[in-house]
Amino acid sequence: MFKPSLIFVLFSLIIGCRSQTIEDYRKDLQSDDVDKICNACYYIGEAKDKESVVSLLKDIYDERTSHHARYKGMSVYYCKAGALKKITGLNINIQQHQPPDSVIISKFINWAIEQKLIDSVERIKLSNL
């Protein structure tokens, strides 16, 4: 017979191992935690989730860097720009250790406007503009 503590451990493992949904990653983009943002960017970029474009553009000039082993040295800008590059399919060269590039960001904004994902730049809090 199972002991209650064993059942609790098994239940905890099952709950703890649930995978995050794209909605969870979208929420993580709003986080103050750089590691969560970079992780969310990776999965959103892989999913090519166009619904996240506005959130990716929001505060894209953020230069804070991750110290997590997987994203070590990557800035929020680099992570967001990488995700946007995957989503847009634009042939843009993004350098990891470069500061945010307004020309690259403008290309992403123009693409989002062309795709009717945003009406104008005013809808997004880009910061540093």
N, C-alpha and C. Protein backbone atom coordinates (compact mmCIF):
# COMPACT_ATOMS: atom_id res chain seq x y z
N MET A 1 0.84 -1.19 0.00
CA MET A 1 0.00 0.00 0.00
C MET A 1 0.89 1.25 0.00
N PHE A 2 0.46 2.26 -0.75
CA PHE A 2 1.22 3.51 -0.84
C PHE A 2 1.05 4.33 0.42
N LYS A 3 2.11 4.91 0.83
CA LYS A 3 2.05 5.83 1.96
C LYS A 3 1.60 7.19 1.44
N PRO A 4 0.91 7.96 2.25
CA PRO A 4 0.47 9.29 1.81
C PRO A 4 1.62 10.18 1.35
N SER A 5 2.78 10.06 1.99
CA SER A 5 3.91 10.91 1.59
C SER A 5 4.42 10.55 0.20
N LEU A 6 4.39 9.28 -0.14
CA LEU A 6 4.82 8.84 -1.47
C LEU A 6 3.86 9.36 -2.54
N ILE A 7 2.59 9.31 -2.24
CA ILE A 7 1.58 9.83 -3.17
C ILE A 7 1.79 11.32 -3.37
N PHE A 8 2.06 12.03 -2.29
CA PHE A 8 2.30 13.47 -2.37
C PHE A 8 3.52 13.77 -3.24
N VAL A 9 4.58 13.00 -3.07
CA VAL A 9 5.80 13.20 -3.86
C VAL A 9 5.52 12.94 -5.34
N LEU A 10 4.83 11.88 -5.64
CA LEU A 10 4.50 11.58 -7.04
C LEU A 10 3.61 12.66 -7.64
N PHE A 11 2.64 13.10 -6.89
CA PHE A 11 1.75 14.17 -7.36
C PHE A 11 2.54 15.45 -7.61
N SER A 12 3.44 15.77 -6.70
CA SER A 12 4.27 16.98 -6.84
C SER A 12 5.15 16.90 -8.09
N LEU A 13 5.70 15.73 -8.35
CA LEU A 13 6.54 15.56 -9.54
C LEU A 13 5.73 15.75 -10.81
N ILE A 14 4.54 15.21 -10.83
CA ILE A 14 3.69 15.34 -12.02
C ILE A 14 3.33 16.80 -12.25
N ILE A 15 2.94 17.49 -11.20
CA ILE A 15 2.58 18.91 -11.32
C ILE A 15 3.81 19.74 -11.67
N GLY A 16 4.93 19.45 -11.06
CA GLY A 16 6.15 20.22 -11.30
C GLY A 16 6.72 20.04 -12.69
N CYS A 17 6.41 18.95 -13.33
CA CYS A 17 6.97 18.66 -14.65
C CYS A 17 6.09 19.15 -15.79
N ARG A 18 5.01 19.80 -15.47
CA ARG A 18 4.15 20.27 -16.56
C ARG A 18 4.91 21.29 -17.40
N SER A 19 4.69 21.25 -18.66
CA SER A 19 5.41 22.17 -19.54
C SER A 19 4.69 23.51 -19.59
N GLN A 20 5.46 24.54 -19.84
CA GLN A 20 4.87 25.86 -19.94
C GLN A 20 4.18 26.01 -21.28
N THR A 21 3.13 26.78 -21.28
CA THR A 21 2.41 27.06 -22.52
C THR A 21 2.92 28.38 -23.10
N ILE A 22 2.54 28.66 -24.31
CA ILE A 22 2.94 29.91 -24.94
C ILE A 22 2.39 31.10 -24.15
N GLU A 23 1.25 30.92 -23.52
CA GLU A 23 0.68 31.97 -22.67
C GLU A 23 1.59 32.26 -21.48
N ASP A 24 2.16 31.20 -20.90
CA ASP A 24 3.09 31.38 -19.78
C ASP A 24 4.31 32.17 -20.24
N TYR A 25 4.81 31.86 -21.42
CA TYR A 25 5.98 32.57 -21.94
C TYR A 25 5.64 34.03 -22.23
N ARG A 26 4.44 34.28 -22.72
CA ARG A 26 4.03 35.67 -22.95
C ARG A 26 4.01 36.46 -21.65
N LYS A 27 3.55 35.83 -20.59
CA LYS A 27 3.56 36.49 -19.27
C LYS A 27 4.99 36.73 -18.81
N ASP A 28 5.87 35.78 -19.08
CA ASP A 28 7.27 35.93 -18.67
C ASP A 28 7.95 37.10 -19.37
N LEU A 29 7.48 37.47 -20.55
CA LEU A 29 8.04 38.63 -21.24
C LEU A 29 7.82 39.91 -20.44
N GLN A 30 6.80 39.94 -19.61
CA GLN A 30 6.48 41.12 -18.80
C GLN A 30 7.24 41.12 -17.48
N SER A 31 8.00 40.09 -17.22
CA SER A 31 8.71 39.94 -15.95
C SER A 31 9.86 40.94 -15.83
N ASP A 32 10.28 41.17 -14.60
CA ASP A 32 11.49 41.97 -14.36
C ASP A 32 12.73 41.08 -14.34
N ASP A 33 12.54 39.78 -14.38
CA ASP A 33 13.63 38.81 -14.32
C ASP A 33 14.20 38.59 -15.72
N VAL A 34 15.45 38.99 -15.91
CA VAL A 34 16.11 38.89 -17.21
C VAL A 34 16.13 37.44 -17.72
N ASP A 35 16.40 36.50 -16.82
CA ASP A 35 16.47 35.10 -17.23
C ASP A 35 15.12 34.60 -17.74
N LYS A 36 14.05 34.99 -17.08
CA LYS A 36 12.71 34.60 -17.53
C LYS A 36 12.42 35.20 -18.90
N ILE A 37 12.81 36.45 -19.08
CA ILE A 37 12.57 37.12 -20.37
C ILE A 37 13.33 36.42 -21.48
N CYS A 38 14.60 36.13 -21.26
CA CYS A 38 15.40 35.47 -22.29
C CYS A 38 14.87 34.07 -22.60
N ASN A 39 14.46 33.36 -21.57
CA ASN A 39 13.90 32.03 -21.78
C ASN A 39 12.61 32.12 -22.59
N ALA A 40 11.76 33.06 -22.23
CA ALA A 40 10.50 33.25 -22.96
C ALA A 40 10.78 33.62 -24.42
N CYS A 41 11.75 34.48 -24.64
CA CYS A 41 12.10 34.88 -26.01
C CYS A 41 12.51 33.68 -26.84
N TYR A 42 13.29 32.81 -26.24
CA TYR A 42 13.74 31.62 -26.97
C TYR A 42 12.55 30.79 -27.44
N TYR A 43 11.65 30.47 -26.53
CA TYR A 43 10.53 29.61 -26.88
C TYR A 43 9.51 30.30 -27.78
N ILE A 44 9.32 31.59 -27.60
CA ILE A 44 8.41 32.33 -28.46
C ILE A 44 8.99 32.42 -29.87
N GLY A 45 10.28 32.64 -29.96
CA GLY A 45 10.93 32.67 -31.27
C GLY A 45 10.85 31.33 -31.98
N GLU A 46 11.08 30.26 -31.24
CA GLU A 46 10.99 28.92 -31.82
C GLU A 46 9.57 28.62 -32.31
N ALA A 47 8.58 29.13 -31.58
CA ALA A 47 7.18 28.91 -31.96
C ALA A 47 6.73 29.87 -33.06
N LYS A 48 7.57 30.86 -33.36
CA LYS A 48 7.23 31.89 -34.34
C LYS A 48 5.86 32.51 -34.04
N ASP A 49 5.69 32.87 -32.79
CA ASP A 49 4.42 33.38 -32.28
C ASP A 49 4.25 34.86 -32.59
N LYS A 50 3.49 35.15 -33.64
CA LYS A 50 3.28 36.54 -34.05
C LYS A 50 2.49 37.35 -33.02
N GLU A 51 1.69 36.69 -32.22
CA GLU A 51 0.91 37.40 -31.21
C GLU A 51 1.80 38.03 -30.14
N SER A 52 3.04 37.60 -30.05
CA SER A 52 3.95 38.13 -29.03
C SER A 52 4.81 39.28 -29.54
N VAL A 53 4.63 39.67 -30.78
CA VAL A 53 5.49 40.71 -31.38
C VAL A 53 5.42 42.02 -30.60
N VAL A 54 4.23 42.44 -30.22
CA VAL A 54 4.10 43.70 -29.48
C VAL A 54 4.85 43.61 -28.16
N SER A 55 4.71 42.50 -27.47
CA SER A 55 5.41 42.33 -26.19
C SER A 55 6.92 42.27 -26.39
N LEU A 56 7.35 41.68 -27.48
CA LEU A 56 8.79 41.62 -27.76
C LEU A 56 9.35 43.01 -28.07
N LEU A 57 8.56 43.83 -28.74
CA LEU A 57 9.02 45.19 -29.06
C LEU A 57 9.00 46.10 -27.83
N LYS A 58 8.13 45.80 -26.89
CA LYS A 58 8.04 46.63 -25.68
C LYS A 58 9.36 46.55 -24.91
N ASP A 59 9.90 47.69 -24.57
CA ASP A 59 11.16 47.80 -23.82
C ASP A 59 12.32 47.05 -24.50
N ILE A 60 12.34 47.06 -25.81
CA ILE A 60 13.37 46.32 -26.54
C ILE A 60 14.77 46.92 -26.35
N TYR A 61 14.85 48.15 -25.91
CA TYR A 61 16.16 48.77 -25.70
C TYR A 61 16.83 48.35 -24.38
N ASP A 62 16.23 47.43 -23.68
CA ASP A 62 16.73 46.97 -22.38
C ASP A 62 18.08 46.27 -22.55
N GLU A 63 19.11 46.81 -21.92
CA GLU A 63 20.46 46.26 -22.06
C GLU A 63 20.88 45.36 -20.90
N ARG A 64 19.98 45.09 -19.98
CA ARG A 64 20.34 44.20 -18.87
C ARG A 64 20.73 42.83 -19.42
N THR A 65 21.71 42.21 -18.78
CA THR A 65 22.19 40.92 -19.27
C THR A 65 21.86 39.79 -18.30
N SER A 66 21.73 38.62 -18.87
CA SER A 66 21.42 37.42 -18.09
C SER A 66 22.71 36.83 -17.52
N HIS A 67 22.56 36.22 -16.35
CA HIS A 67 23.69 35.52 -15.73
C HIS A 67 23.39 34.04 -15.59
N HIS A 68 22.27 33.61 -16.16
CA HIS A 68 21.90 32.20 -16.18
C HIS A 68 22.85 31.48 -17.14
N ALA A 69 23.21 30.27 -16.82
CA ALA A 69 24.18 29.53 -17.64
C ALA A 69 23.76 29.44 -19.10
N ARG A 70 22.48 29.26 -19.35
CA ARG A 70 22.02 29.09 -20.74
C ARG A 70 22.06 30.40 -21.54
N TYR A 71 21.85 31.52 -20.86
CA TYR A 71 21.76 32.81 -21.56
C TYR A 71 22.84 33.78 -21.10
N LYS A 72 23.91 33.27 -20.54
CA LYS A 72 24.97 34.09 -19.94
C LYS A 72 25.47 35.15 -20.93
N GLY A 73 25.44 36.38 -20.48
CA GLY A 73 25.95 37.49 -21.28
C GLY A 73 25.00 38.02 -22.33
N MET A 74 23.84 37.41 -22.47
CA MET A 74 22.87 37.88 -23.46
C MET A 74 22.02 38.99 -22.85
N SER A 75 21.87 40.06 -23.59
CA SER A 75 21.03 41.16 -23.10
C SER A 75 19.57 40.88 -23.45
N VAL A 76 18.69 41.58 -22.78
CA VAL A 76 17.26 41.46 -23.09
C VAL A 76 17.05 41.87 -24.55
N TYR A 77 17.73 42.93 -24.97
CA TYR A 77 17.63 43.35 -26.38
C TYR A 77 18.01 42.21 -27.32
N TYR A 78 19.13 41.57 -27.06
CA TYR A 78 19.61 40.49 -27.93
C TYR A 78 18.60 39.34 -27.98
N CYS A 79 18.06 38.98 -26.83
CA CYS A 79 17.08 37.89 -26.78
C CYS A 79 15.80 38.25 -27.54
N LYS A 80 15.32 39.47 -27.31
CA LYS A 80 14.09 39.89 -27.99
C LYS A 80 14.32 40.03 -29.49
N ALA A 81 15.45 40.60 -29.87
CA ALA A 81 15.75 40.76 -31.30
C ALA A 81 15.91 39.40 -31.97
N GLY A 82 16.51 38.45 -31.26
CA GLY A 82 16.65 37.10 -31.81
C GLY A 82 15.30 36.44 -32.05
N ALA A 83 14.39 36.61 -31.09
CA ALA A 83 13.04 36.06 -31.25
C ALA A 83 12.32 36.74 -32.41
N LEU A 84 12.46 38.05 -32.49
CA LEU A 84 11.81 38.79 -33.59
C LEU A 84 12.38 38.38 -34.95
N LYS A 85 13.67 38.12 -34.99
CA LYS A 85 14.29 37.68 -36.24
C LYS A 85 13.69 36.35 -36.69
N LYS A 86 13.50 35.43 -35.75
CA LYS A 86 12.90 34.14 -36.08
C LYS A 86 11.45 34.30 -36.54
N ILE A 87 10.71 35.16 -35.86
CA ILE A 87 9.30 35.35 -36.19
C ILE A 87 9.14 36.04 -37.54
N THR A 88 9.93 37.08 -37.77
CA THR A 88 9.77 37.88 -38.99
C THR A 88 10.40 37.22 -40.21
N GLY A 89 11.44 36.45 -39.99
CA GLY A 89 12.16 35.86 -41.11
C GLY A 89 13.04 36.87 -41.83
N LEU A 90 13.20 38.06 -41.25
CA LEU A 90 14.05 39.07 -41.87
C LEU A 90 15.52 38.67 -41.77
N ASN A 91 16.26 38.96 -42.80
CA ASN A 91 17.69 38.64 -42.82
C ASN A 91 18.46 39.80 -42.17
N ILE A 92 18.53 39.75 -40.86
CA ILE A 92 19.16 40.81 -40.08
C ILE A 92 20.27 40.20 -39.25
N ASN A 93 21.41 40.87 -39.23
CA ASN A 93 22.55 40.41 -38.44
C ASN A 93 22.51 41.09 -37.07
N ILE A 94 22.30 40.30 -36.04
CA ILE A 94 22.23 40.82 -34.68
C ILE A 94 23.46 40.33 -33.92
N GLN A 95 24.22 41.26 -33.38
CA GLN A 95 25.43 40.92 -32.64
C GLN A 95 25.13 40.86 -31.14
N GLN A 96 25.62 39.82 -30.50
CA GLN A 96 25.32 39.61 -29.08
C GLN A 96 25.83 40.73 -28.18
N HIS A 97 27.01 41.21 -28.41
CA HIS A 97 27.61 42.17 -27.49
C HIS A 97 27.55 43.61 -28.00
N GLN A 98 26.62 43.88 -28.89
CA GLN A 98 26.42 45.23 -29.39
C GLN A 98 25.25 45.88 -28.65
N PRO A 99 25.29 47.18 -28.47
CA PRO A 99 24.13 47.85 -27.85
C PRO A 99 22.93 47.79 -28.80
N PRO A 100 21.75 48.04 -28.28
CA PRO A 100 20.56 48.02 -29.13
C PRO A 100 20.73 48.94 -30.34
N ASP A 101 20.34 48.43 -31.49
CA ASP A 101 20.51 49.14 -32.76
C ASP A 101 19.15 49.65 -33.23
N SER A 102 19.00 50.97 -33.30
CA SER A 102 17.72 51.56 -33.68
C SER A 102 17.33 51.22 -35.12
N VAL A 103 18.29 50.99 -35.99
CA VAL A 103 17.98 50.63 -37.37
C VAL A 103 17.33 49.24 -37.42
N ILE A 104 17.90 48.31 -36.67
CA ILE A 104 17.33 46.96 -36.62
C ILE A 104 15.94 47.00 -35.99
N ILE A 105 15.81 47.74 -34.91
CA ILE A 105 14.52 47.84 -34.24
C ILE A 105 13.48 48.46 -35.17
N SER A 106 13.88 49.46 -35.94
CA SER A 106 12.97 50.09 -36.91
C SER A 106 12.49 49.08 -37.96
N LYS A 107 13.38 48.19 -38.37
CA LYS A 107 12.98 47.16 -39.35
C LYS A 107 11.92 46.24 -38.76
N PHE A 108 12.10 45.87 -37.50
CA PHE A 108 11.09 45.03 -36.85
C PHE A 108 9.76 45.77 -36.71
N ILE A 109 9.83 47.04 -36.35
CA ILE A 109 8.61 47.83 -36.20
C ILE A 109 7.90 47.96 -37.55
N ASN A 110 8.66 48.27 -38.59
CA ASN A 110 8.06 48.40 -39.92
C ASN A 110 7.42 47.08 -40.37
N TRP A 111 8.08 45.97 -40.08
CA TRP A 111 7.51 44.66 -40.42
C TRP A 111 6.20 44.46 -39.67
N ALA A 112 6.18 44.79 -38.39
CA ALA A 112 4.97 44.61 -37.58
C ALA A 112 3.83 45.49 -38.09
N ILE A 113 4.16 46.70 -38.54
CA ILE A 113 3.14 47.59 -39.10
C ILE A 113 2.62 47.01 -40.42
N GLU A 114 3.53 46.54 -41.28
CA GLU A 114 3.13 45.93 -42.55
C GLU A 114 2.24 44.71 -42.35
N GLN A 115 2.52 43.95 -41.30
CA GLN A 115 1.74 42.75 -41.00
C GLN A 115 0.45 43.08 -40.24
N LYS A 116 0.25 44.37 -39.97
CA LYS A 116 -0.92 44.85 -39.22
C LYS A 116 -0.99 44.28 -37.80
N LEU A 117 0.18 44.05 -37.23
CA LEU A 117 0.25 43.59 -35.84
C LEU A 117 0.22 44.78 -34.89
N ILE A 118 0.66 45.93 -35.39
CA ILE A 118 0.56 47.18 -34.64
C ILE A 118 0.11 48.27 -35.60
N ASP A 119 -0.51 49.30 -35.03
CA ASP A 119 -0.96 50.42 -35.86
C ASP A 119 0.16 51.43 -36.06
N SER A 120 0.88 51.67 -34.98
CA SER A 120 1.96 52.65 -35.04
C SER A 120 2.90 52.43 -33.86
N VAL A 121 3.99 53.13 -33.88
CA VAL A 121 4.99 53.00 -32.82
C VAL A 121 4.44 53.48 -31.48
N GLU A 122 3.51 54.42 -31.50
CA GLU A 122 2.98 54.98 -30.26
C GLU A 122 2.32 53.93 -29.39
N ARG A 123 1.87 52.84 -29.96
CA ARG A 123 1.18 51.80 -29.21
C ARG A 123 2.15 51.00 -28.32
N ILE A 124 3.42 51.12 -28.59
CA ILE A 124 4.42 50.33 -27.89
C ILE A 124 5.30 51.23 -27.04
N LYS A 125 5.57 50.81 -25.83
CA LYS A 125 6.52 51.52 -24.98
C LYS A 125 7.91 50.94 -25.28
N LEU A 126 8.60 51.58 -26.19
CA LEU A 126 9.90 51.05 -26.61
C LEU A 126 11.00 51.38 -25.61
N SER A 127 10.88 52.43 -24.89
CA SER A 127 11.90 52.96 -23.97
C SER A 127 13.14 53.38 -24.75
N ASN A 128 13.74 54.43 -24.31
CA ASN A 128 14.94 55.01 -24.92
C ASN A 128 14.71 55.57 -26.32
N LEU A 129 13.49 55.76 -26.73
CA LEU A 129 13.25 56.37 -28.04
C LEU A 129 12.94 57.83 -27.89
